[in-house]
Amino acid sequence: MRVAVVQTRPVACALDANVKTHELWIKKAAGRGADMVFFPELSLLGYEPKHAARFATRADDARLDIFQLLSHALRITVGVGLPTPADGGVRISMLVFQPSGARVVYSKQHLHGDELPYFVAGDGQITLRAGGEVVAPAICYESLLDAHCEAAVALGATVYVASVAKSANGIAKADAHYPSIARRHSLPVLMANCVGPCDDFEAVGGSAVWNARGELVARLPSTGEGALVLDTSTGDTETVAAQ
């Protein structure tokens, strides 16, 4: 199975522009044989908590239909980030589009303290299957909690994908934590970060792949867009440039 993570530079609060960028990267990932592709946290609007309520979008919004069409046509599972409305507030969500079947919404279960004024937590972990692998998504802060990965492994996860929006300090924490959980649970860990302004910090890219031994096997630069594709059967990774 081949799984891709994409590093994007989102345009703040510009859904239509970001949808177009996502469309291009989905096609690039599919062209490299990816069975699944994942984008950074809140990738379709950028990480902008203060504006999330205004732009919260339902999974069945017609503007997202392009992802279902691409998923079906290219036979690829697509995970994009967007705030979604929920009882009592707004959730940080990943919307998953699959070649067949209904759209799936996974919402961040563990919120950072800074997010509590703007979001409510989701409940329940999802897993996604392809090519004999079980992929468990995680969204930023919760991916740094041992309990989150442990719960995913208990559900049979064999690949762990963290969709994040991280500053340099956040990447330093990721670089310490992800190799540890990869070794402990003997599963590859992939991270999709963004680049550029986010809320009150600068996202610094560095999207990466760690193998099941906790070794860093691929990393994107701190600036610019790109993608990494991991072949889980061989352990090989491929870097996809923006141009």
C-alpha atoms as a PDB file:
ATOM      1  CA  MET A   1       0.000   0.000   0.000  1.00  0.00           C
ATOM      2  CA  ARG A   2       1.211   3.493  -0.816  1.00  0.00           C
ATOM      3  CA  VAL A   3       0.243   6.382   1.453  1.00  0.00           C
ATOM      4  CA  ALA A   4       1.063  10.044   0.858  1.00  0.00           C
ATOM      5  CA  VAL A   5       1.253  13.113   3.072  1.00  0.00           C
ATOM      6  CA  VAL A   6       1.114  16.565   1.480  1.00  0.00           C
ATOM      7  CA  GLN A   7       2.712  19.766   2.752  1.00  0.00           C
ATOM      8  CA  THR A   8       0.677  22.781   1.635  1.00  0.00           C
ATOM      9  CA  ARG A   9       0.755  26.547   2.067  1.00  0.00           C
ATOM     10  CA  PRO A  10      -2.906  27.336   2.799  1.00  0.00           C
ATOM     11  CA  VAL A  11      -4.514  30.659   1.958  1.00  0.00           C
ATOM     12  CA  ALA A  12      -6.163  31.781   5.198  1.00  0.00           C
ATOM     13  CA  CYS A  13      -9.942  31.395   5.169  1.00  0.00           C
ATOM     14  CA  ALA A  14     -10.068  30.892   1.386  1.00  0.00           C
ATOM     15  CA  LEU A  15     -11.878  27.604   0.831  1.00  0.00           C
ATOM     16  CA  ASP A  16     -12.182  27.827  -2.937  1.00  0.00           C
ATOM     17  CA  ALA A  17      -8.487  28.603  -3.484  1.00  0.00           C
ATOM     18  CA  ASN A  18      -7.394  25.823  -1.162  1.00  0.00           C
ATOM     19  CA  VAL A  19      -9.746  23.314  -2.793  1.00  0.00           C
ATOM     20  CA  LYS A  20      -7.973  23.943  -6.100  1.00  0.00           C
ATOM     21  CA  THR A  21      -4.564  23.373  -4.519  1.00  0.00           C
ATOM     22  CA  HIS A  22      -5.780  20.156  -2.944  1.00  0.00           C
ATOM     23  CA  GLU A  23      -7.140  18.965  -6.270  1.00  0.00           C
ATOM     24  CA  LEU A  24      -3.697  19.358  -7.871  1.00  0.00           C
ATOM     25  CA  TRP A  25      -1.953  17.470  -5.081  1.00  0.00           C
ATOM     26  CA  ILE A  26      -4.478  14.640  -5.077  1.00  0.00           C
ATOM     27  CA  LYS A  27      -3.801  14.143  -8.769  1.00  0.00           C
ATOM     28  CA  LYS A  28      -0.042  14.219  -8.149  1.00  0.00           C
ATOM     29  CA  ALA A  29      -0.335  11.649  -5.350  1.00  0.00           C
ATOM     30  CA  ALA A  30      -2.525   9.383  -7.444  1.00  0.00           C
ATOM     31  CA  GLY A  31      -0.040   9.717 -10.289  1.00  0.00           C
ATOM     32  CA  ARG A  32       2.622   8.285  -7.977  1.00  0.00           C
ATOM     33  CA  GLY A  33       0.416   5.312  -7.165  1.00  0.00           C
ATOM     34  CA  ALA A  34      -0.829   6.480  -3.764  1.00  0.00           C
ATOM     35  CA  ASP A  35      -3.790   4.579  -2.331  1.00  0.00           C
ATOM     36  CA  MET A  36      -4.342   7.252   0.335  1.00  0.00           C
ATOM     37  CA  VAL A  37      -3.373  10.913   0.660  1.00  0.00           C
ATOM     38  CA  PHE A  38      -3.580  13.126   3.738  1.00  0.00           C
ATOM     39  CA  PHE A  39      -3.304  16.897   4.181  1.00  0.00           C
ATOM     40  CA  PRO A  40      -2.367  19.097   7.196  1.00  0.00           C
ATOM     41  CA  GLU A  41      -4.676  20.095  10.027  1.00  0.00           C
ATOM     42  CA  LEU A  42      -7.543  22.353   8.874  1.00  0.00           C
ATOM     43  CA  SER A  43      -5.873  22.365   5.460  1.00  0.00           C
ATOM     44  CA  LEU A  44      -8.836  23.766   3.532  1.00  0.00           C
ATOM     45  CA  LEU A  45      -8.966  27.000   5.554  1.00  0.00           C
ATOM     46  CA  GLY A  46      -5.594  27.101   7.265  1.00  0.00           C
ATOM     47  CA  TYR A  47      -5.171  26.847  11.022  1.00  0.00           C
ATOM     48  CA  GLU A  48      -7.204  29.909  12.050  1.00  0.00           C
ATOM     49  CA  PRO A  49      -9.108  29.105  15.278  1.00  0.00           C
ATOM     50  CA  LYS A  50     -10.534  32.597  15.681  1.00  0.00           C
ATOM     51  CA  HIS A  51     -12.331  32.296  12.342  1.00  0.00           C
ATOM     52  CA  ALA A  52     -13.307  28.632  12.521  1.00  0.00           C
ATOM     53  CA  ALA A  53     -16.904  29.151  13.638  1.00  0.00           C
ATOM     54  CA  ARG A  54     -17.582  31.493  10.716  1.00  0.00           C
ATOM     55  CA  PHE A  55     -16.269  28.969   8.217  1.00  0.00           C
ATOM     56  CA  ALA A  56     -17.436  25.699   9.766  1.00  0.00           C
ATOM     57  CA  THR A  57     -18.569  23.472   6.890  1.00  0.00           C
ATOM     58  CA  ARG A  58     -20.709  20.351   6.752  1.00  0.00           C
ATOM     59  CA  ALA A  59     -19.268  17.214   5.212  1.00  0.00           C
ATOM     60  CA  ASP A  60     -22.026  17.192   2.571  1.00  0.00           C
ATOM     61  CA  ASP A  61     -21.277  20.731   1.346  1.00  0.00           C
ATOM     62  CA  ALA A  62     -21.415  20.735  -2.458  1.00  0.00           C
ATOM     63  CA  ARG A  63     -18.076  22.575  -2.678  1.00  0.00           C
ATOM     64  CA  LEU A  64     -16.435  19.389  -1.404  1.00  0.00           C
ATOM     65  CA  ASP A  65     -17.971  17.141  -4.059  1.00  0.00           C
ATOM     66  CA  ILE A  66     -14.814  17.441  -6.149  1.00  0.00           C
ATOM     67  CA  PHE A  67     -12.982  15.309  -3.577  1.00  0.00           C
ATOM     68  CA  GLN A  68     -15.528  12.518  -3.860  1.00  0.00           C
ATOM     69  CA  LEU A  69     -15.301  12.662  -7.637  1.00  0.00           C
ATOM     70  CA  LEU A  70     -11.497  12.511  -7.539  1.00  0.00           C
ATOM     71  CA  SER A  71     -11.531   9.712  -4.990  1.00  0.00           C
ATOM     72  CA  HIS A  72     -13.814   7.634  -7.173  1.00  0.00           C
ATOM     73  CA  ALA A  73     -12.098   8.421 -10.473  1.00  0.00           C
ATOM     74  CA  LEU A  74      -8.545   7.933  -9.194  1.00  0.00           C
ATOM     75  CA  ARG A  75      -9.319   5.140  -6.714  1.00  0.00           C
ATOM     76  CA  ILE A  76      -7.652   7.020  -3.881  1.00  0.00           C
ATOM     77  CA  THR A  77      -8.750   7.767  -0.311  1.00  0.00           C
ATOM     78  CA  VAL A  78      -8.439  11.474   0.509  1.00  0.00           C
ATOM     79  CA  GLY A  79      -8.199  13.087   3.961  1.00  0.00           C
ATOM     80  CA  VAL A  80      -8.627  16.890   4.103  1.00  0.00           C
ATOM     81  CA  GLY A  81      -8.890  19.250   7.079  1.00  0.00           C
ATOM     82  CA  LEU A  82     -11.812  21.540   7.853  1.00  0.00           C
ATOM     83  CA  PRO A  83     -13.751  22.883  10.863  1.00  0.00           C
ATOM     84  CA  THR A  84     -17.150  21.207  11.069  1.00  0.00           C
ATOM     85  CA  PRO A  85     -20.273  22.196  13.024  1.00  0.00           C
ATOM     86  CA  ALA A  86     -21.238  20.039  16.003  1.00  0.00           C
ATOM     87  CA  ASP A  87     -23.618  20.099  18.928  1.00  0.00           C
ATOM     88  CA  GLY A  88     -22.269  22.724  21.286  1.00  0.00           C
ATOM     89  CA  GLY A  89     -19.682  24.216  18.978  1.00  0.00           C
ATOM     90  CA  VAL A  90     -17.167  23.558  16.216  1.00  0.00           C
ATOM     91  CA  ARG A  91     -14.812  20.608  15.768  1.00  0.00           C
ATOM     92  CA  ILE A  92     -11.386  20.316  14.184  1.00  0.00           C
ATOM     93  CA  SER A  93     -12.079  17.623  11.642  1.00  0.00           C
ATOM     94  CA  MET A  94     -10.609  15.493   8.900  1.00  0.00           C
ATOM     95  CA  LEU A  95     -13.064  14.698   6.129  1.00  0.00           C
ATOM     96  CA  VAL A  96     -12.302  11.401   4.441  1.00  0.00           C
ATOM     97  CA  PHE A  97     -13.458  10.626   0.914  1.00  0.00           C
ATOM     98  CA  GLN A  98     -13.220   7.015  -0.241  1.00  0.00           C
ATOM     99  CA  PRO A  99     -13.585   5.468  -3.711  1.00  0.00           C
ATOM    100  CA  SER A 100     -16.769   3.781  -2.556  1.00  0.00           C
ATOM    101  CA  GLY A 101     -18.894   4.465   0.475  1.00  0.00           C
ATOM    102  CA  ALA A 102     -20.058   7.486   2.396  1.00  0.00           C
ATOM    103  CA  ARG A 103     -17.866  10.370   3.481  1.00  0.00           C
ATOM    104  CA  VAL A 104     -16.362   9.866   6.919  1.00  0.00           C
ATOM    105  CA  VAL A 105     -15.663  12.616   9.447  1.00  0.00           C
ATOM    106  CA  TYR A 106     -12.938  12.178  12.055  1.00  0.00           C
ATOM    107  CA  SER A 107     -12.778  14.938  14.682  1.00  0.00           C
ATOM    108  CA  LYS A 108      -9.859  15.733  16.971  1.00  0.00           C
ATOM    109  CA  GLN A 109     -10.525  14.009  20.271  1.00  0.00           C
ATOM    110  CA  HIS A 110      -7.939  15.783  22.438  1.00  0.00           C
ATOM    111  CA  LEU A 111      -7.688  19.572  22.231  1.00  0.00           C
ATOM    112  CA  HIS A 112      -4.789  21.759  23.295  1.00  0.00           C
ATOM    113  CA  GLY A 113      -5.675  24.303  25.975  1.00  0.00           C
ATOM    114  CA  ASP A 114      -5.360  27.161  23.490  1.00  0.00           C
ATOM    115  CA  GLU A 115      -8.080  25.559  21.354  1.00  0.00           C
ATOM    116  CA  LEU A 116     -10.711  25.230  24.054  1.00  0.00           C
ATOM    117  CA  PRO A 117     -12.196  28.727  23.535  1.00  0.00           C
ATOM    118  CA  TYR A 118     -12.896  27.895  19.885  1.00  0.00           C
ATOM    119  CA  PHE A 119     -13.535  24.167  19.557  1.00  0.00           C
ATOM    120  CA  VAL A 120     -15.203  21.184  21.165  1.00  0.00           C
ATOM    121  CA  ALA A 121     -13.648  17.724  21.180  1.00  0.00           C
ATOM    122  CA  GLY A 122     -14.701  14.892  18.937  1.00  0.00           C
ATOM    123  CA  ASP A 123     -15.251  11.353  20.112  1.00  0.00           C
ATOM    124  CA  GLY A 124     -14.254   8.033  18.616  1.00  0.00           C
ATOM    125  CA  GLN A 125     -11.308   6.925  16.509  1.00  0.00           C
ATOM    126  CA  ILE A 126     -11.624   5.864  12.892  1.00  0.00           C
ATOM    127  CA  THR A 127      -9.399   3.519  10.912  1.00  0.00           C
ATOM    128  CA  LEU A 128      -9.047   3.226   7.152  1.00  0.00           C
ATOM    129  CA  ARG A 129      -8.114   0.065   5.278  1.00  0.00           C
ATOM    130  CA  ALA A 130      -6.222  -0.447   2.037  1.00  0.00           C
ATOM    131  CA  GLY A 131      -3.802  -3.037   0.719  1.00  0.00           C
ATOM    132  CA  GLY A 132      -3.803  -5.049   3.919  1.00  0.00           C
ATOM    133  CA  GLU A 133      -2.922  -2.020   6.069  1.00  0.00           C
ATOM    134  CA  VAL A 134      -5.004  -0.269   8.730  1.00  0.00           C
ATOM    135  CA  VAL A 135      -4.346   3.476   8.818  1.00  0.00           C
ATOM    136  CA  ALA A 136      -5.229   5.540  11.893  1.00  0.00           C
ATOM    137  CA  PRO A 137      -5.396   9.339  11.509  1.00  0.00           C
ATOM    138  CA  ALA A 138      -4.465  11.724  14.295  1.00  0.00           C
ATOM    139  CA  ILE A 139      -4.786  15.503  14.384  1.00  0.00           C
ATOM    140  CA  CYS A 140      -1.876  17.541  15.738  1.00  0.00           C
ATOM    141  CA  TYR A 141      -1.841  17.832  19.566  1.00  0.00           C
ATOM    142  CA  GLU A 142      -3.454  14.459  20.188  1.00  0.00           C
ATOM    143  CA  SER A 143      -0.740  12.758  18.119  1.00  0.00           C
ATOM    144  CA  LEU A 144       1.733  13.747  20.866  1.00  0.00           C
ATOM    145  CA  LEU A 145      -0.257  11.833  23.492  1.00  0.00           C
ATOM    146  CA  ASP A 146       0.762   8.205  24.048  1.00  0.00           C
ATOM    147  CA  ALA A 147      -2.840   7.245  24.779  1.00  0.00           C
ATOM    148  CA  HIS A 148      -4.030   8.255  21.327  1.00  0.00           C
ATOM    149  CA  CYS A 149      -1.644   5.992  19.442  1.00  0.00           C
ATOM    150  CA  GLU A 150      -2.199   3.177  21.929  1.00  0.00           C
ATOM    151  CA  ALA A 151      -5.950   3.354  21.316  1.00  0.00           C
ATOM    152  CA  ALA A 152      -5.378   3.300  17.560  1.00  0.00           C
ATOM    153  CA  VAL A 153      -3.112   0.260  17.834  1.00  0.00           C
ATOM    154  CA  ALA A 154      -5.759  -1.476  19.919  1.00  0.00           C
ATOM    155  CA  LEU A 155      -8.085  -1.018  16.938  1.00  0.00           C
ATOM    156  CA  GLY A 156      -5.555  -2.765  14.703  1.00  0.00           C
ATOM    157  CA  ALA A 157      -3.672   0.234  13.297  1.00  0.00           C
ATOM    158  CA  THR A 158      -0.553  -0.645  11.296  1.00  0.00           C
ATOM    159  CA  VAL A 159       0.144   2.897  10.004  1.00  0.00           C
ATOM    160  CA  TYR A 160      -0.217   6.161  11.966  1.00  0.00           C
ATOM    161  CA  VAL A 161      -0.747   9.464  10.130  1.00  0.00           C
ATOM    162  CA  ALA A 162      -0.529  12.801  11.962  1.00  0.00           C
ATOM    163  CA  SER A 163      -2.197  15.773  10.265  1.00  0.00           C
ATOM    164  CA  VAL A 164      -0.699  18.843  11.930  1.00  0.00           C
ATOM    165  CA  ALA A 165      -0.100  22.590  11.909  1.00  0.00           C
ATOM    166  CA  LYS A 166       3.161  23.015  13.808  1.00  0.00           C
ATOM    167  CA  SER A 167       5.638  25.743  14.604  1.00  0.00           C
ATOM    168  CA  ALA A 168       9.365  25.089  15.059  1.00  0.00           C
ATOM    169  CA  ASN A 169       8.698  24.255  18.713  1.00  0.00           C
ATOM    170  CA  GLY A 170       5.960  21.818  17.721  1.00  0.00           C
ATOM    171  CA  ILE A 171       8.214  20.096  15.204  1.00  0.00           C
ATOM    172  CA  ALA A 172      10.867  19.647  17.896  1.00  0.00           C
ATOM    173  CA  LYS A 173       8.294  17.859  20.055  1.00  0.00           C
ATOM    174  CA  ALA A 174       7.179  15.736  17.111  1.00  0.00           C
ATOM    175  CA  ASP A 175      10.764  14.757  16.343  1.00  0.00           C
ATOM    176  CA  ALA A 176      11.127  13.461  19.893  1.00  0.00           C
ATOM    177  CA  HIS A 177       7.761  11.698  20.106  1.00  0.00           C
ATOM    178  CA  TYR A 178       7.017  10.101  16.739  1.00  0.00           C
ATOM    179  CA  PRO A 179      10.169   7.943  16.567  1.00  0.00           C
ATOM    180  CA  SER A 180       9.347   6.661  20.044  1.00  0.00           C
ATOM    181  CA  ILE A 181       5.815   5.522  19.206  1.00  0.00           C
ATOM    182  CA  ALA A 182       6.978   4.093  15.886  1.00  0.00           C
ATOM    183  CA  ARG A 183       9.509   1.859  17.688  1.00  0.00           C
ATOM    184  CA  ARG A 184       7.176   0.990  20.546  1.00  0.00           C
ATOM    185  CA  HIS A 185       4.344  -0.133  18.303  1.00  0.00           C
ATOM    186  CA  SER A 186       6.421  -1.224  15.280  1.00  0.00           C
ATOM    187  CA  LEU A 187       4.495   0.886  12.804  1.00  0.00           C
ATOM    188  CA  PRO A 188       5.452   3.678  10.402  1.00  0.00           C
ATOM    189  CA  VAL A 189       4.453   7.216  11.345  1.00  0.00           C
ATOM    190  CA  LEU A 190       3.797   9.925   8.752  1.00  0.00           C
ATOM    191  CA  MET A 191       3.351  13.634   9.475  1.00  0.00           C
ATOM    192  CA  ALA A 192       1.729  16.220   7.166  1.00  0.00           C
ATOM    193  CA  ASN A 193       2.553  19.777   8.247  1.00  0.00           C
ATOM    194  CA  CYS A 194       1.838  23.059   6.467  1.00  0.00           C
ATOM    195  CA  VAL A 195       4.008  26.110   5.809  1.00  0.00           C
ATOM    196  CA  GLY A 196       3.339  29.808   6.241  1.00  0.00           C
ATOM    197  CA  PRO A 197       1.328  31.986   8.647  1.00  0.00           C
ATOM    198  CA  CYS A 198      -1.141  30.185  10.930  1.00  0.00           C
ATOM    199  CA  ASP A 199      -3.064  32.054  13.608  1.00  0.00           C
ATOM    200  CA  ASP A 200      -0.299  33.634  15.738  1.00  0.00           C
ATOM    201  CA  PHE A 201       2.626  31.459  14.591  1.00  0.00           C
ATOM    202  CA  GLU A 202       4.524  30.382  11.510  1.00  0.00           C
ATOM    203  CA  ALA A 203       4.166  26.777  10.369  1.00  0.00           C
ATOM    204  CA  VAL A 204       7.558  25.382   9.375  1.00  0.00           C
ATOM    205  CA  GLY A 205       6.814  22.359   7.194  1.00  0.00           C
ATOM    206  CA  GLY A 206       9.237  19.505   7.738  1.00  0.00           C
ATOM    207  CA  SER A 207       6.614  16.883   6.879  1.00  0.00           C
ATOM    208  CA  ALA A 208       8.223  13.511   7.453  1.00  0.00           C
ATOM    209  CA  VAL A 209       8.118   9.723   7.521  1.00  0.00           C
ATOM    210  CA  TRP A 210       9.529   7.472  10.258  1.00  0.00           C
ATOM    211  CA  ASN A 211       9.759   3.738   9.676  1.00  0.00           C
ATOM    212  CA  ALA A 212       8.660   1.029  12.122  1.00  0.00           C
ATOM    213  CA  ARG A 213      12.112   1.152  13.761  1.00  0.00           C
ATOM    214  CA  GLY A 214      11.673   4.847  14.503  1.00  0.00           C
ATOM    215  CA  GLU A 215      14.200   5.934  11.898  1.00  0.00           C
ATOM    216  CA  LEU A 216      13.591   9.154   9.988  1.00  0.00           C
ATOM    217  CA  VAL A 217      13.523   8.058   6.334  1.00  0.00           C
ATOM    218  CA  ALA A 218      12.211  11.151   4.548  1.00  0.00           C
ATOM    219  CA  ARG A 219      11.635  14.833   5.269  1.00  0.00           C
ATOM    220  CA  LEU A 220      10.432  17.839   3.310  1.00  0.00           C
ATOM    221  CA  PRO A 221      12.051  21.288   3.666  1.00  0.00           C
ATOM    222  CA  SER A 222      10.815  23.943   6.078  1.00  0.00           C
ATOM    223  CA  THR A 223       9.456  26.059   3.237  1.00  0.00           C
ATOM    224  CA  GLY A 224       7.479  25.290   0.099  1.00  0.00           C
ATOM    225  CA  GLU A 225       4.920  22.681  -0.820  1.00  0.00           C
ATOM    226  CA  GLY A 226       5.611  19.032  -1.527  1.00  0.00           C
ATOM    227  CA  ALA A 227       4.577  15.482  -0.751  1.00  0.00           C
ATOM    228  CA  LEU A 228       6.042  12.234   0.542  1.00  0.00           C
ATOM    229  CA  VAL A 229       4.823   8.808  -0.546  1.00  0.00           C
ATOM    230  CA  LEU A 230       5.564   5.717   1.544  1.00  0.00           C
ATOM    231  CA  ASP A 231       5.322   2.203   0.141  1.00  0.00           C
ATOM    232  CA  THR A 232       4.466   0.159   3.221  1.00  0.00           C
ATOM    233  CA  SER A 233       5.427  -3.146   1.611  1.00  0.00           C
ATOM    234  CA  THR A 234       8.990  -2.104   0.736  1.00  0.00           C
ATOM    235  CA  GLY A 235       9.594   0.792   3.126  1.00  0.00           C
ATOM    236  CA  ASP A 236      10.693   2.976   0.206  1.00  0.00           C
ATOM    237  CA  THR A 237       9.707   6.648   0.157  1.00  0.00           C
ATOM    238  CA  GLU A 238       9.366   9.066  -2.728  1.00  0.00           C
ATOM    239  CA  THR A 239       9.467  12.853  -2.645  1.00  0.00           C
ATOM    240  CA  VAL A 240       7.106  14.759  -4.925  1.00  0.00           C
ATOM    241  CA  ALA A 241       8.045  18.345  -5.712  1.00  0.00           C
ATOM    242  CA  ALA A 242       5.582  21.170  -6.265  1.00  0.00           C
ATOM    243  CA  GLN A 243       6.665  21.637  -9.896  1.00  0.00           C
END
